Amino acid sequence: MSRMPIGADQWLERGKSNAGERGANVPARLRLASIILRTVFIVALLIVTVHVSMPQSASVWTAYDTPGDLIRLALGFSVCFWVAIQLFAMPNDAKAHRTWLYLGLAAVPFIVICMVGIW
């Protein structure tokens, strides 16, 4: 058997070139479309999560009556907190914007249907 070189220097150079891509110019239409779709998706996800995590009874203060409602409220609060943080963490390269564009085109209609369905 012969040895094949790993080519670690190739990976090192690839990492350096990816660092340069982060600051690359993203087309304005791609940036705008991806930010709008991402924002609509995350806000709709927040609305669905808040609605689903509310206690079954009439008020939030009755969540302490049953452990299931209290757990649902605590998990819903933590998920909403994490999703709200993600709302302000913007993508910074063209690949991330392109991913959010494609994901938004598929996910926004689905989450809007879910939002209308649970209401």
N, C-alpha and C. Protein backbone atom coordinates (compact mmCIF):
# COMPACT_ATOMS: atom_id res chain seq x y z
N MET A 1 0.83 -1.17 0.00
CA MET A 1 0.00 0.00 0.00
C MET A 1 0.88 1.23 0.00
N SER A 2 0.45 2.19 -0.72
CA SER A 2 1.20 3.43 -0.75
C SER A 2 0.47 4.49 0.08
N ARG A 3 1.22 5.42 0.55
CA ARG A 3 0.65 6.49 1.35
C ARG A 3 0.17 7.61 0.44
N MET A 4 -0.98 8.16 0.80
CA MET A 4 -1.48 9.32 0.08
C MET A 4 -1.41 10.52 1.01
N PRO A 5 -0.94 11.62 0.53
CA PRO A 5 -0.88 12.79 1.40
C PRO A 5 -2.28 13.29 1.75
N ILE A 6 -2.41 13.79 2.94
CA ILE A 6 -3.70 14.28 3.41
C ILE A 6 -4.08 15.57 2.72
N GLY A 7 -3.15 16.43 2.53
CA GLY A 7 -3.42 17.71 1.88
C GLY A 7 -3.96 18.75 2.85
N ALA A 8 -3.35 18.78 4.03
CA ALA A 8 -3.82 19.72 5.05
C ALA A 8 -3.63 21.16 4.61
N ASP A 9 -2.62 21.43 3.80
CA ASP A 9 -2.42 22.79 3.34
C ASP A 9 -3.56 23.26 2.45
N GLN A 10 -4.18 22.31 1.73
CA GLN A 10 -5.34 22.66 0.90
C GLN A 10 -6.49 23.14 1.80
N TRP A 11 -6.72 22.47 2.91
CA TRP A 11 -7.79 22.86 3.82
C TRP A 11 -7.48 24.19 4.50
N LEU A 12 -6.22 24.43 4.76
CA LEU A 12 -5.83 25.69 5.36
C LEU A 12 -6.10 26.85 4.40
N GLU A 13 -5.76 26.67 3.14
CA GLU A 13 -6.00 27.71 2.14
C GLU A 13 -7.49 27.91 1.92
N ARG A 14 -8.27 26.81 1.95
CA ARG A 14 -9.71 26.92 1.76
C ARG A 14 -10.33 27.71 2.90
N GLY A 15 -9.85 27.51 4.11
CA GLY A 15 -10.35 28.26 5.26
C GLY A 15 -10.05 29.74 5.13
N LYS A 16 -8.89 30.07 4.60
CA LYS A 16 -8.54 31.48 4.41
C LYS A 16 -9.42 32.12 3.35
N SER A 17 -9.73 31.38 2.28
CA SER A 17 -10.56 31.96 1.23
C SER A 17 -12.00 32.11 1.70
N ASN A 18 -12.49 31.22 2.55
CA ASN A 18 -13.85 31.36 3.08
C ASN A 18 -13.96 32.57 3.99
N ALA A 19 -12.89 32.88 4.70
CA ALA A 19 -12.93 34.05 5.57
C ALA A 19 -13.07 35.32 4.74
N GLY A 20 -12.49 35.32 3.56
CA GLY A 20 -12.62 36.47 2.68
C GLY A 20 -14.01 36.59 2.07
N GLU A 21 -14.73 35.45 1.92
CA GLU A 21 -16.06 35.48 1.34
C GLU A 21 -17.08 36.11 2.28
N ARG A 22 -16.82 36.07 3.58
CA ARG A 22 -17.78 36.61 4.54
C ARG A 22 -18.05 38.09 4.28
N GLY A 23 -17.04 38.80 3.91
CA GLY A 23 -17.21 40.23 3.65
C GLY A 23 -17.60 40.52 2.21
N ALA A 24 -17.84 39.48 1.43
CA ALA A 24 -18.18 39.67 0.03
C ALA A 24 -19.52 40.40 -0.11
N ASN A 25 -19.66 41.10 -1.20
CA ASN A 25 -20.90 41.84 -1.43
C ASN A 25 -22.03 40.87 -1.75
N VAL A 26 -23.16 41.08 -1.07
CA VAL A 26 -24.36 40.31 -1.31
C VAL A 26 -25.30 41.20 -2.12
N PRO A 27 -25.87 40.69 -3.21
CA PRO A 27 -26.79 41.52 -3.99
C PRO A 27 -27.94 42.04 -3.12
N ALA A 28 -28.32 43.27 -3.37
CA ALA A 28 -29.32 43.93 -2.52
C ALA A 28 -30.67 43.23 -2.58
N ARG A 29 -31.07 42.74 -3.75
CA ARG A 29 -32.36 42.05 -3.87
C ARG A 29 -32.35 40.75 -3.10
N LEU A 30 -31.24 40.01 -3.16
CA LEU A 30 -31.13 38.76 -2.40
C LEU A 30 -31.17 39.05 -0.91
N ARG A 31 -30.45 40.06 -0.47
CA ARG A 31 -30.41 40.42 0.95
C ARG A 31 -31.80 40.84 1.43
N LEU A 32 -32.48 41.68 0.66
CA LEU A 32 -33.80 42.16 1.05
C LEU A 32 -34.83 41.02 1.10
N ALA A 33 -34.84 40.19 0.07
CA ALA A 33 -35.80 39.09 0.02
C ALA A 33 -35.56 38.09 1.15
N SER A 34 -34.30 37.77 1.40
CA SER A 34 -34.01 36.79 2.45
C SER A 34 -34.33 37.35 3.83
N ILE A 35 -34.06 38.62 4.06
CA ILE A 35 -34.35 39.22 5.37
C ILE A 35 -35.86 39.31 5.59
N ILE A 36 -36.61 39.66 4.56
CA ILE A 36 -38.07 39.73 4.70
C ILE A 36 -38.65 38.35 4.97
N LEU A 37 -38.26 37.35 4.18
CA LEU A 37 -38.78 36.00 4.38
C LEU A 37 -38.36 35.44 5.73
N ARG A 38 -37.14 35.69 6.14
CA ARG A 38 -36.64 35.21 7.44
C ARG A 38 -37.42 35.86 8.58
N THR A 39 -37.66 37.16 8.48
CA THR A 39 -38.38 37.87 9.52
C THR A 39 -39.83 37.40 9.62
N VAL A 40 -40.49 37.23 8.48
CA VAL A 40 -41.88 36.75 8.48
C VAL A 40 -41.94 35.35 9.09
N PHE A 41 -41.00 34.48 8.72
CA PHE A 41 -41.00 33.12 9.25
C PHE A 41 -40.78 33.12 10.76
N ILE A 42 -39.81 33.87 11.24
CA ILE A 42 -39.50 33.85 12.67
C ILE A 42 -40.61 34.49 13.49
N VAL A 43 -41.21 35.57 13.00
CA VAL A 43 -42.32 36.20 13.73
C VAL A 43 -43.53 35.27 13.77
N ALA A 44 -43.83 34.62 12.65
CA ALA A 44 -44.94 33.66 12.63
C ALA A 44 -44.66 32.48 13.55
N LEU A 45 -43.42 32.04 13.59
CA LEU A 45 -43.04 30.95 14.50
C LEU A 45 -43.20 31.38 15.95
N LEU A 46 -42.86 32.62 16.26
CA LEU A 46 -43.08 33.16 17.61
C LEU A 46 -44.56 33.17 17.96
N ILE A 47 -45.40 33.59 17.03
CA ILE A 47 -46.84 33.65 17.28
C ILE A 47 -47.40 32.26 17.53
N VAL A 48 -47.01 31.30 16.71
CA VAL A 48 -47.48 29.93 16.90
C VAL A 48 -47.00 29.37 18.23
N THR A 49 -45.76 29.62 18.59
CA THR A 49 -45.22 29.11 19.84
C THR A 49 -45.91 29.72 21.05
N VAL A 50 -46.16 31.02 20.99
CA VAL A 50 -46.87 31.67 22.10
C VAL A 50 -48.27 31.10 22.24
N HIS A 51 -48.95 30.92 21.12
CA HIS A 51 -50.32 30.41 21.17
C HIS A 51 -50.37 28.98 21.70
N VAL A 52 -49.45 28.15 21.27
CA VAL A 52 -49.45 26.74 21.68
C VAL A 52 -49.00 26.59 23.14
N SER A 53 -48.14 27.46 23.61
CA SER A 53 -47.60 27.29 24.97
C SER A 53 -48.48 27.90 26.05
N MET A 54 -49.53 28.61 25.67
CA MET A 54 -50.42 29.19 26.68
C MET A 54 -51.17 28.07 27.42
N PRO A 55 -51.48 28.31 28.69
CA PRO A 55 -52.23 27.30 29.46
C PRO A 55 -53.62 27.06 28.87
N GLN A 56 -54.18 25.89 29.15
CA GLN A 56 -55.48 25.52 28.61
C GLN A 56 -56.60 26.31 29.26
N SER A 57 -56.38 26.79 30.46
CA SER A 57 -57.42 27.55 31.16
C SER A 57 -57.46 28.99 30.67
N ALA A 58 -58.28 29.79 31.28
CA ALA A 58 -58.56 31.13 30.78
C ALA A 58 -57.41 32.12 30.96
N SER A 59 -56.60 31.97 31.98
CA SER A 59 -55.62 32.98 32.31
C SER A 59 -54.23 32.37 32.48
N VAL A 60 -53.21 33.22 32.34
CA VAL A 60 -51.84 32.75 32.55
C VAL A 60 -51.60 32.41 34.02
N TRP A 61 -52.30 33.09 34.92
CA TRP A 61 -52.09 32.89 36.35
C TRP A 61 -52.60 31.53 36.83
N THR A 62 -53.44 30.88 36.06
CA THR A 62 -53.92 29.55 36.45
C THR A 62 -52.98 28.45 35.96
N ALA A 63 -51.85 28.81 35.42
CA ALA A 63 -50.87 27.82 34.96
C ALA A 63 -50.30 27.04 36.13
N TYR A 64 -50.37 27.60 37.33
CA TYR A 64 -49.82 26.93 38.50
C TYR A 64 -50.74 25.83 39.02
N ASP A 65 -51.96 25.74 38.50
CA ASP A 65 -52.90 24.74 38.98
C ASP A 65 -52.50 23.33 38.58
N THR A 66 -52.03 23.15 37.36
CA THR A 66 -51.62 21.82 36.91
C THR A 66 -50.16 21.87 36.47
N PRO A 67 -49.42 20.79 36.75
CA PRO A 67 -48.00 20.80 36.36
C PRO A 67 -47.81 20.80 34.84
N GLY A 68 -48.74 20.23 34.10
CA GLY A 68 -48.62 20.22 32.65
C GLY A 68 -48.65 21.61 32.05
N ASP A 69 -49.54 22.45 32.57
CA ASP A 69 -49.62 23.83 32.08
C ASP A 69 -48.37 24.62 32.44
N LEU A 70 -47.86 24.37 33.64
CA LEU A 70 -46.65 25.09 34.06
C LEU A 70 -45.44 24.69 33.22
N ILE A 71 -45.31 23.41 32.93
CA ILE A 71 -44.20 22.94 32.09
C ILE A 71 -44.35 23.49 30.67
N ARG A 72 -45.56 23.47 30.13
CA ARG A 72 -45.82 24.00 28.80
C ARG A 72 -45.46 25.48 28.74
N LEU A 73 -45.84 26.23 29.77
CA LEU A 73 -45.55 27.66 29.81
C LEU A 73 -44.05 27.93 29.90
N ALA A 74 -43.34 27.15 30.73
CA ALA A 74 -41.88 27.33 30.87
C ALA A 74 -41.15 26.97 29.58
N LEU A 75 -41.52 25.86 28.96
CA LEU A 75 -40.88 25.48 27.70
C LEU A 75 -41.20 26.48 26.59
N GLY A 76 -42.43 26.94 26.55
CA GLY A 76 -42.81 27.94 25.55
C GLY A 76 -42.04 29.23 25.73
N PHE A 77 -41.88 29.66 26.98
CA PHE A 77 -41.12 30.88 27.23
C PHE A 77 -39.67 30.72 26.78
N SER A 78 -39.05 29.58 27.09
CA SER A 78 -37.64 29.39 26.70
C SER A 78 -37.49 29.30 25.18
N VAL A 79 -38.42 28.65 24.50
CA VAL A 79 -38.35 28.57 23.04
C VAL A 79 -38.56 29.96 22.43
N CYS A 80 -39.52 30.72 22.95
CA CYS A 80 -39.75 32.08 22.44
C CYS A 80 -38.54 32.97 22.67
N PHE A 81 -37.88 32.82 23.80
CA PHE A 81 -36.69 33.60 24.08
C PHE A 81 -35.59 33.28 23.07
N TRP A 82 -35.37 31.98 22.80
CA TRP A 82 -34.34 31.56 21.84
C TRP A 82 -34.69 32.04 20.43
N VAL A 83 -35.95 31.93 20.03
CA VAL A 83 -36.35 32.35 18.69
C VAL A 83 -36.22 33.87 18.55
N ALA A 84 -36.55 34.61 19.61
CA ALA A 84 -36.41 36.07 19.57
C ALA A 84 -34.95 36.48 19.43
N ILE A 85 -34.06 35.75 20.07
CA ILE A 85 -32.63 36.03 19.90
C ILE A 85 -32.21 35.77 18.45
N GLN A 86 -32.72 34.70 17.86
CA GLN A 86 -32.39 34.38 16.48
C GLN A 86 -32.92 35.43 15.50
N LEU A 87 -33.98 36.13 15.90
CA LEU A 87 -34.54 37.17 15.04
C LEU A 87 -33.53 38.29 14.80
N PHE A 88 -32.68 38.57 15.79
CA PHE A 88 -31.72 39.66 15.67
C PHE A 88 -30.33 39.20 15.22
N ALA A 89 -30.11 37.92 15.05
CA ALA A 89 -28.83 37.40 14.55
C ALA A 89 -28.91 37.27 13.03
N MET A 90 -28.51 38.29 12.34
CA MET A 90 -28.65 38.32 10.89
C MET A 90 -27.58 37.48 10.20
N PRO A 91 -27.93 36.88 9.06
CA PRO A 91 -26.91 36.18 8.27
C PRO A 91 -25.92 37.18 7.70
N ASN A 92 -24.69 36.71 7.46
CA ASN A 92 -23.67 37.67 7.05
C ASN A 92 -22.96 37.31 5.74
N ASP A 93 -23.34 36.24 5.09
CA ASP A 93 -22.70 35.94 3.81
C ASP A 93 -23.75 35.55 2.78
N ALA A 94 -23.33 35.46 1.54
CA ALA A 94 -24.26 35.22 0.44
C ALA A 94 -24.90 33.84 0.54
N LYS A 95 -24.16 32.85 1.00
CA LYS A 95 -24.72 31.50 1.12
C LYS A 95 -25.84 31.46 2.15
N ALA A 96 -25.67 32.16 3.25
CA ALA A 96 -26.71 32.18 4.28
C ALA A 96 -27.95 32.90 3.77
N HIS A 97 -27.76 33.99 3.04
CA HIS A 97 -28.90 34.69 2.48
C HIS A 97 -29.63 33.82 1.46
N ARG A 98 -28.89 33.11 0.64
CA ARG A 98 -29.50 32.23 -0.36
C ARG A 98 -30.26 31.09 0.33
N THR A 99 -29.69 30.56 1.41
CA THR A 99 -30.37 29.50 2.16
C THR A 99 -31.67 30.00 2.75
N TRP A 100 -31.65 31.20 3.33
CA TRP A 100 -32.88 31.76 3.91
C TRP A 100 -33.89 32.09 2.83
N LEU A 101 -33.46 32.46 1.64
CA LEU A 101 -34.38 32.71 0.55
C LEU A 101 -35.12 31.43 0.18
N TYR A 102 -34.38 30.35 -0.05
CA TYR A 102 -35.01 29.08 -0.41
C TYR A 102 -35.86 28.52 0.73
N LEU A 103 -35.33 28.57 1.94
CA LEU A 103 -36.07 28.07 3.10
C LEU A 103 -37.33 28.91 3.34
N GLY A 104 -37.21 30.22 3.17
CA GLY A 104 -38.35 31.09 3.37
C GLY A 104 -39.45 30.85 2.35
N LEU A 105 -39.07 30.62 1.10
CA LEU A 105 -40.07 30.36 0.07
C LEU A 105 -40.85 29.08 0.37
N ALA A 106 -40.21 28.11 0.99
CA ALA A 106 -40.90 26.86 1.33
C ALA A 106 -41.59 26.93 2.68
N ALA A 107 -40.99 27.59 3.65
CA ALA A 107 -41.48 27.51 5.03
C ALA A 107 -42.51 28.58 5.38
N VAL A 108 -42.45 29.74 4.77
CA VAL A 108 -43.39 30.81 5.12
C VAL A 108 -44.83 30.41 4.81
N PRO A 109 -45.14 29.86 3.63
CA PRO A 109 -46.54 29.44 3.42
C PRO A 109 -46.98 28.36 4.42
N PHE A 110 -46.09 27.45 4.74
CA PHE A 110 -46.42 26.38 5.69
C PHE A 110 -46.71 26.94 7.08
N ILE A 111 -45.88 27.83 7.58
CA ILE A 111 -46.07 28.37 8.92
C ILE A 111 -47.29 29.28 8.96
N VAL A 112 -47.61 29.97 7.87
CA VAL A 112 -48.82 30.79 7.83
C VAL A 112 -50.06 29.89 7.85
N ILE A 113 -50.02 28.78 7.14
CA ILE A 113 -51.13 27.81 7.19
C ILE A 113 -51.28 27.25 8.59
N CYS A 114 -50.18 26.93 9.24
CA CYS A 114 -50.24 26.45 10.63
C CYS A 114 -50.81 27.51 11.56
N MET A 115 -50.42 28.75 11.35
CA MET A 115 -50.90 29.84 12.19
C MET A 115 -52.41 30.02 12.03
N VAL A 116 -52.90 29.97 10.81
CA VAL A 116 -54.33 30.08 10.56
C VAL A 116 -55.05 28.85 11.10
N GLY A 117 -54.44 27.69 10.99
CA GLY A 117 -55.06 26.45 11.44
C GLY A 117 -55.23 26.35 12.94
N ILE A 118 -54.28 26.86 13.71
CA ILE A 118 -54.40 26.74 15.17
C ILE A 118 -55.26 27.82 15.76
N TRP A 119 -55.52 28.88 15.00
CA TRP A 119 -56.36 29.95 15.52
C TRP A 119 -57.76 29.55 15.29
